[in-house]
Amino acid sequence: MHDDTIDLNLDQLAGEFRYIITEMICLAGSGHLGGALSLVEIIITLYWRLMRVNPDNPQWEERDRLVLSKGHAGPVLYTALAYKGFFPKSWLTTLNADGTYLPSHVDRLRTSGIDMTAGSLGQGLSAACGMAYRAKKDNLAHAVYCIIGDGESNEGQIWEAALFAGHHKLDNLIAICDYNCLQIDGFTDDVLTLEPLAAKWTAFNWHVLEMDGHDWQSIYRTLDAARQMRGKPVMVIAHTVKGKGNAVVENLPASHNIKINSPADHQKYLQGLGPACLAGTPWQDSKELPC
């Protein structure tokens, strides 16, 4: 259920998440490191301070929903779900392996706690709109969160869904744009600029809020305010850094999808985390996992 642990060391938890995300992608041999690291603080805030979830009953009707439309950032969500107890932490070493329950893009049919399958970019917000629309029609109280990428926002389907949500006043829908300013082909401003991004969403009849996507208080206060807004859906523009916390990839286009071709590469990416992330033993419930 909802966890309001007051003495939770959020910085320590974020450090463990960054270590685990980097390690699991290195063990897989490749993966979308940058876009997973940019969401660490947001995902932790959602699952530890805001969302109502129940690991013992993943299909609980009253749970809040999360659609990770940028589904290639799955490792950060998998880490949160494992820590919350939806499945064993030992699964985290099996990212994208044969027979895994943790594919590279999130899949609701394979992984407990995943509310919507992701694959081709641009589709998640439409699914989230459907969830929110149904909830309003049936007078259900849960919230629907949807995380989209800034590069993903080049997709026309995002804006079709935005029109739908604004028209139907889906005030139980909170979208979060991971605005790290990078996508697979380079910097978003060079590929296809999104600015003025806030004005665009406002024009589509959404409330628009902005936050520092790595500052705990900014994230909590902004998302808490978003939950309380009525009459329109809410778009939260999260200003983030792609690859945050890993000096080897931080704010670099190459962080989008890294390749690990040797043990030296593996060590390079781990060392990029720095001592804060490498301290401690985050793999607490399985001796099979590296410390």
Protein backbone atom coordinates (compact mmCIF):
# COMPACT_ATOMS: atom_id res chain seq x y z
CA MET A 1 0.00 0.00 0.00
CA HIS A 2 0.93 3.69 0.06
CA ASP A 3 4.28 4.20 1.86
CA ASP A 4 4.88 7.48 3.71
CA THR A 5 8.12 6.45 5.43
CA ILE A 6 9.31 9.69 7.00
CA ASP A 7 12.91 8.71 7.63
CA LEU A 8 13.49 7.20 4.20
CA ASN A 9 16.94 8.20 2.93
CA LEU A 10 15.95 9.24 -0.56
CA ASP A 11 19.48 10.09 -1.68
CA GLN A 12 20.73 6.66 -0.61
CA LEU A 13 17.84 4.99 -2.39
CA ALA A 14 18.53 6.98 -5.57
CA GLY A 15 22.19 5.95 -5.40
CA GLU A 16 21.22 2.29 -5.12
CA PHE A 17 18.82 2.66 -8.03
CA ARG A 18 21.53 4.19 -10.23
CA TYR A 19 23.93 1.40 -9.36
CA ILE A 20 21.37 -1.33 -10.03
CA ILE A 21 20.16 0.23 -13.30
CA THR A 22 23.72 0.54 -14.59
CA GLU A 23 24.64 -2.98 -13.49
CA MET A 24 21.57 -4.65 -14.94
CA ILE A 25 22.08 -2.95 -18.32
CA CYS A 26 25.77 -3.91 -18.30
CA LEU A 27 24.86 -7.52 -17.50
CA ALA A 28 22.39 -7.48 -20.40
CA GLY A 29 25.11 -6.22 -22.75
CA SER A 30 23.19 -3.16 -23.90
CA GLY A 31 20.33 -0.93 -22.86
CA HIS A 32 18.82 2.51 -22.56
CA LEU A 33 20.86 3.86 -19.68
CA GLY A 34 20.41 7.61 -20.11
CA GLY A 35 16.63 7.69 -20.14
CA ALA A 36 16.38 5.36 -17.14
CA LEU A 37 18.78 7.39 -15.01
CA SER A 38 16.96 10.64 -15.75
CA LEU A 39 13.78 9.27 -14.11
CA VAL A 40 15.21 7.93 -10.83
CA GLU A 41 13.98 10.68 -8.50
CA ILE A 42 10.59 10.91 -10.22
CA ILE A 43 9.91 7.17 -10.03
CA ILE A 44 10.99 7.00 -6.38
CA THR A 45 8.74 9.93 -5.47
CA LEU A 46 5.78 8.37 -7.25
CA TYR A 47 6.12 4.94 -5.66
CA TRP A 48 7.25 5.95 -2.18
CA ARG A 49 5.37 9.21 -1.57
CA LEU A 50 2.39 9.55 -3.92
CA MET A 51 0.95 6.49 -5.63
CA ARG A 52 -1.41 3.99 -4.03
CA VAL A 53 -0.19 0.51 -4.93
CA ASN A 54 -0.38 -2.93 -3.35
CA PRO A 55 2.37 -5.46 -4.20
CA ASP A 56 0.28 -8.22 -2.60
CA ASN A 57 -2.58 -7.43 -4.98
CA PRO A 58 -1.08 -5.96 -8.17
CA GLN A 59 -4.51 -5.80 -9.86
CA TRP A 60 -6.14 -3.96 -6.94
CA GLU A 61 -8.94 -1.94 -8.53
CA GLU A 62 -8.29 1.15 -6.41
CA ARG A 63 -4.57 1.37 -7.23
CA ASP A 64 -3.13 4.35 -9.05
CA ARG A 65 -1.92 3.49 -12.55
CA LEU A 66 1.40 4.32 -14.20
CA VAL A 67 1.92 4.13 -17.95
CA LEU A 68 5.62 4.32 -18.85
CA SER A 69 5.14 5.38 -22.45
CA LYS A 70 8.91 5.68 -22.93
CA GLY A 71 9.03 1.97 -22.20
CA HIS A 72 12.73 1.61 -22.98
CA ALA A 73 13.36 3.21 -19.55
CA GLY A 74 12.01 0.00 -18.01
CA PRO A 75 15.06 -0.67 -15.77
CA VAL A 76 14.19 2.22 -13.46
CA LEU A 77 10.60 1.01 -13.11
CA TYR A 78 11.71 -2.60 -12.64
CA THR A 79 14.02 -1.51 -9.82
CA ALA A 80 11.20 0.33 -8.06
CA LEU A 81 8.82 -2.60 -8.41
CA ALA A 82 11.41 -5.04 -7.06
CA TYR A 83 12.12 -2.80 -4.07
CA LYS A 84 8.39 -2.46 -3.39
CA GLY A 85 8.03 -6.23 -3.40
CA PHE A 86 6.17 -6.92 -6.64
CA PHE A 87 8.78 -9.54 -7.56
CA PRO A 88 12.18 -10.75 -6.26
CA LYS A 89 15.22 -8.52 -6.69
CA SER A 90 17.01 -11.52 -8.19
CA TRP A 91 15.01 -10.94 -11.37
CA LEU A 92 16.89 -7.69 -11.92
CA THR A 93 19.94 -9.57 -13.25
CA THR A 94 17.85 -11.07 -16.07
CA LEU A 95 17.05 -7.92 -18.06
CA ASN A 96 16.30 -8.90 -21.67
CA ALA A 97 17.67 -12.42 -21.19
CA ASP A 98 16.02 -15.47 -22.76
CA GLY A 99 12.89 -16.33 -20.80
CA THR A 100 13.08 -13.22 -18.64
CA TYR A 101 10.12 -11.55 -16.97
CA LEU A 102 11.89 -8.21 -17.53
CA PRO A 103 12.05 -7.43 -21.26
CA SER A 104 13.85 -4.35 -22.54
CA HIS A 105 10.50 -2.56 -22.99
CA VAL A 106 7.90 -2.96 -20.24
CA ASP A 107 5.20 -5.59 -20.80
CA ARG A 108 2.11 -5.90 -18.58
CA LEU A 109 1.67 -9.56 -19.56
CA ARG A 110 5.12 -10.52 -18.30
CA THR A 111 5.84 -8.34 -15.26
CA SER A 112 3.84 -7.88 -12.07
CA GLY A 113 3.15 -4.21 -11.41
CA ILE A 114 3.31 -3.02 -15.03
CA ASP A 115 0.04 -1.36 -15.97
CA MET A 116 0.59 -0.97 -19.73
CA THR A 117 2.84 -2.55 -22.33
CA ALA A 118 5.11 -0.17 -24.24
CA GLY A 119 6.93 -0.58 -27.53
CA SER A 120 6.56 1.89 -30.36
CA LEU A 121 6.82 5.40 -28.98
CA GLY A 122 3.81 7.69 -28.87
CA GLN A 123 1.19 5.15 -27.82
CA GLY A 124 1.29 5.34 -24.04
CA LEU A 125 -0.58 8.60 -23.59
CA SER A 126 -3.50 7.23 -25.62
CA ALA A 127 -3.65 4.20 -23.33
CA ALA A 128 -3.49 6.43 -20.26
CA CYS A 129 -6.35 8.52 -21.67
CA GLY A 130 -8.43 5.36 -22.02
CA MET A 131 -7.74 4.39 -18.41
CA ALA A 132 -8.58 7.86 -17.15
CA TYR A 133 -11.72 8.13 -19.28
CA ARG A 134 -13.04 4.81 -18.01
CA ALA A 135 -12.28 5.78 -14.41
CA LYS A 136 -14.23 9.03 -14.74
CA LYS A 137 -17.18 7.28 -16.36
CA ASP A 138 -17.30 4.72 -13.55
CA ASN A 139 -16.67 7.27 -10.77
CA LEU A 140 -13.43 5.60 -9.70
CA ALA A 141 -11.06 7.61 -7.53
CA HIS A 142 -7.64 6.44 -8.72
CA ALA A 143 -5.18 8.63 -10.60
CA VAL A 144 -3.49 7.75 -13.87
CA TYR A 145 0.11 8.86 -14.39
CA CYS A 146 1.84 8.73 -17.78
CA ILE A 147 5.54 9.37 -18.38
CA ILE A 148 6.45 10.41 -21.91
CA GLY A 149 9.77 11.35 -23.44
CA ASP A 150 10.65 14.63 -25.07
CA GLY A 151 11.85 12.85 -28.21
CA GLU A 152 8.67 10.80 -28.09
CA SER A 153 6.76 14.06 -28.21
CA ASN A 154 7.67 14.29 -31.92
CA GLU A 155 4.99 11.64 -32.48
CA GLY A 156 1.63 12.87 -33.74
CA GLN A 157 -0.26 10.36 -31.61
CA ILE A 158 0.89 12.22 -28.49
CA TRP A 159 -0.96 15.31 -29.66
CA GLU A 160 -4.07 13.38 -30.71
CA ALA A 161 -4.23 12.00 -27.17
CA ALA A 162 -3.62 15.48 -25.78
CA LEU A 163 -6.64 16.77 -27.71
CA PHE A 164 -8.80 13.91 -26.40
CA ALA A 165 -7.79 14.43 -22.77
CA GLY A 166 -8.31 18.18 -22.92
CA HIS A 167 -11.71 17.84 -24.57
CA HIS A 168 -12.94 15.31 -22.01
CA LYS A 169 -11.45 17.22 -19.05
CA LEU A 170 -9.60 14.17 -17.75
CA ASP A 171 -8.54 15.71 -14.45
CA ASN A 172 -7.57 12.30 -13.10
CA LEU A 173 -4.74 12.15 -15.65
CA ILE A 174 -1.25 13.47 -14.86
CA ALA A 175 1.31 13.30 -17.65
CA ILE A 176 5.00 13.86 -16.99
CA CYS A 177 7.37 14.84 -19.81
CA ASP A 178 10.94 13.73 -19.13
CA TYR A 179 12.45 16.85 -20.67
CA ASN A 180 16.12 15.83 -20.72
CA CYS A 181 16.63 17.53 -24.11
CA LEU A 182 18.15 14.45 -25.77
CA GLN A 183 16.78 11.70 -27.99
CA ILE A 184 18.22 8.89 -30.06
CA ASP A 185 19.35 11.18 -32.90
CA GLY A 186 20.78 13.99 -30.78
CA PHE A 187 19.59 17.08 -28.93
CA THR A 188 15.86 17.70 -29.23
CA ASP A 189 16.36 21.31 -30.29
CA ASP A 190 18.43 20.10 -33.25
CA VAL A 191 16.14 17.22 -34.26
CA LEU A 192 12.74 18.89 -33.90
CA THR A 193 12.35 21.61 -31.31
CA LEU A 194 9.49 21.34 -28.84
CA GLU A 195 9.51 24.95 -27.69
CA PRO A 196 7.38 26.64 -26.58
CA LEU A 197 6.44 23.34 -24.91
CA ALA A 198 4.41 24.71 -22.00
CA ALA A 199 2.39 26.94 -24.31
CA LYS A 200 1.61 24.00 -26.59
CA TRP A 201 0.11 21.95 -23.77
CA THR A 202 -1.77 24.97 -22.46
CA ALA A 203 -3.28 25.45 -25.92
CA PHE A 204 -4.49 21.83 -25.79
CA ASN A 205 -6.50 22.64 -22.64
CA TRP A 206 -4.14 21.17 -20.07
CA HIS A 207 -2.93 22.63 -16.79
CA VAL A 208 0.86 22.93 -17.12
CA LEU A 209 3.34 22.73 -14.24
CA GLU A 210 7.13 22.61 -14.37
CA MET A 211 9.63 21.10 -11.95
CA ASP A 212 13.27 20.19 -11.40
CA GLY A 213 13.13 16.46 -12.04
CA HIS A 214 16.04 15.73 -9.69
CA ASP A 215 15.04 17.86 -6.69
CA TRP A 216 13.03 15.89 -4.14
CA GLN A 217 10.97 18.81 -2.85
CA SER A 218 10.26 20.22 -6.29
CA ILE A 219 9.06 16.83 -7.52
CA TYR A 220 6.85 16.11 -4.53
CA ARG A 221 5.29 19.56 -4.31
CA THR A 222 4.62 19.74 -8.04
CA LEU A 223 3.11 16.27 -8.37
CA ASP A 224 1.10 16.71 -5.18
CA ALA A 225 -0.30 19.96 -6.60
CA ALA A 226 -1.05 18.16 -9.88
CA ARG A 227 -3.13 15.57 -8.03
CA GLN A 228 -5.30 18.30 -6.55
CA MET A 229 -6.03 20.22 -9.75
CA ARG A 230 -9.50 19.84 -11.22
CA GLY A 231 -11.21 20.55 -14.52
CA LYS A 232 -8.33 19.68 -16.87
CA PRO A 233 -5.61 17.06 -17.27
CA VAL A 234 -2.18 18.09 -16.00
CA MET A 235 1.10 18.10 -17.89
CA VAL A 236 4.17 18.27 -15.66
CA ILE A 237 7.29 19.28 -17.57
CA ALA A 238 10.20 17.72 -15.69
CA HIS A 239 13.54 19.35 -16.40
CA THR A 240 16.01 16.48 -16.14
CA VAL A 241 19.50 15.45 -17.21
CA LYS A 242 19.85 12.40 -19.40
CA GLY A 243 22.20 9.90 -17.78
CA LYS A 244 22.01 11.81 -14.47
CA GLY A 245 24.56 10.62 -11.94
CA ASN A 246 26.83 8.69 -14.31
CA ALA A 247 29.74 10.84 -15.45
CA VAL A 248 30.46 8.60 -18.45
CA VAL A 249 27.10 9.29 -20.10
CA GLU A 250 25.57 12.33 -18.39
CA ASN A 251 24.03 14.77 -20.88
CA LEU A 252 25.54 12.97 -23.88
CA PRO A 253 23.62 11.70 -26.95
CA ALA A 254 25.53 8.41 -26.68
CA SER A 255 23.72 7.68 -23.40
CA HIS A 256 20.51 6.76 -25.21
CA ASN A 257 21.47 3.13 -25.84
CA ILE A 258 24.84 1.93 -24.63
CA LYS A 259 26.69 -1.21 -25.71
CA ILE A 260 28.90 -3.21 -23.37
CA ASN A 261 31.44 -5.11 -25.44
CA SER A 262 33.99 -6.07 -22.78
CA PRO A 263 34.62 -6.31 -19.03
CA ALA A 264 36.47 -2.99 -19.36
CA ASP A 265 33.29 -1.35 -20.67
CA HIS A 266 31.36 -2.80 -17.74
CA GLN A 267 33.79 -1.35 -15.22
CA LYS A 268 33.88 2.00 -17.04
CA TYR A 269 30.14 2.49 -16.66
CA LEU A 270 30.14 1.40 -13.02
CA GLN A 271 33.03 3.71 -12.18
CA GLY A 272 31.13 6.56 -13.81
CA LEU A 273 28.68 6.42 -10.92
CA GLY A 274 31.16 7.63 -8.33
CA PRO A 275 31.60 6.50 -4.72
CA ALA A 276 28.13 7.56 -3.50
CA CYS A 277 26.39 5.04 -5.76
CA LEU A 278 28.96 2.30 -5.32
CA ALA A 279 28.80 2.32 -1.50
CA GLY A 280 26.77 -0.36 0.26
CA THR A 281 25.15 -3.57 -0.93
CA PRO A 282 21.79 -2.81 -2.53
CA TRP A 283 21.08 -6.41 -3.59
CA GLN A 284 19.76 -7.30 -0.17
CA ASP A 285 17.48 -10.25 -0.77
CA SER A 286 19.56 -12.54 -2.98
CA LYS A 287 23.06 -13.98 -2.64
CA GLU A 288 23.04 -14.58 -6.39
CA LEU A 289 23.44 -10.88 -7.10
CA PRO A 290 26.69 -8.89 -7.22
CA CYS A 291 27.62 -6.62 -4.31
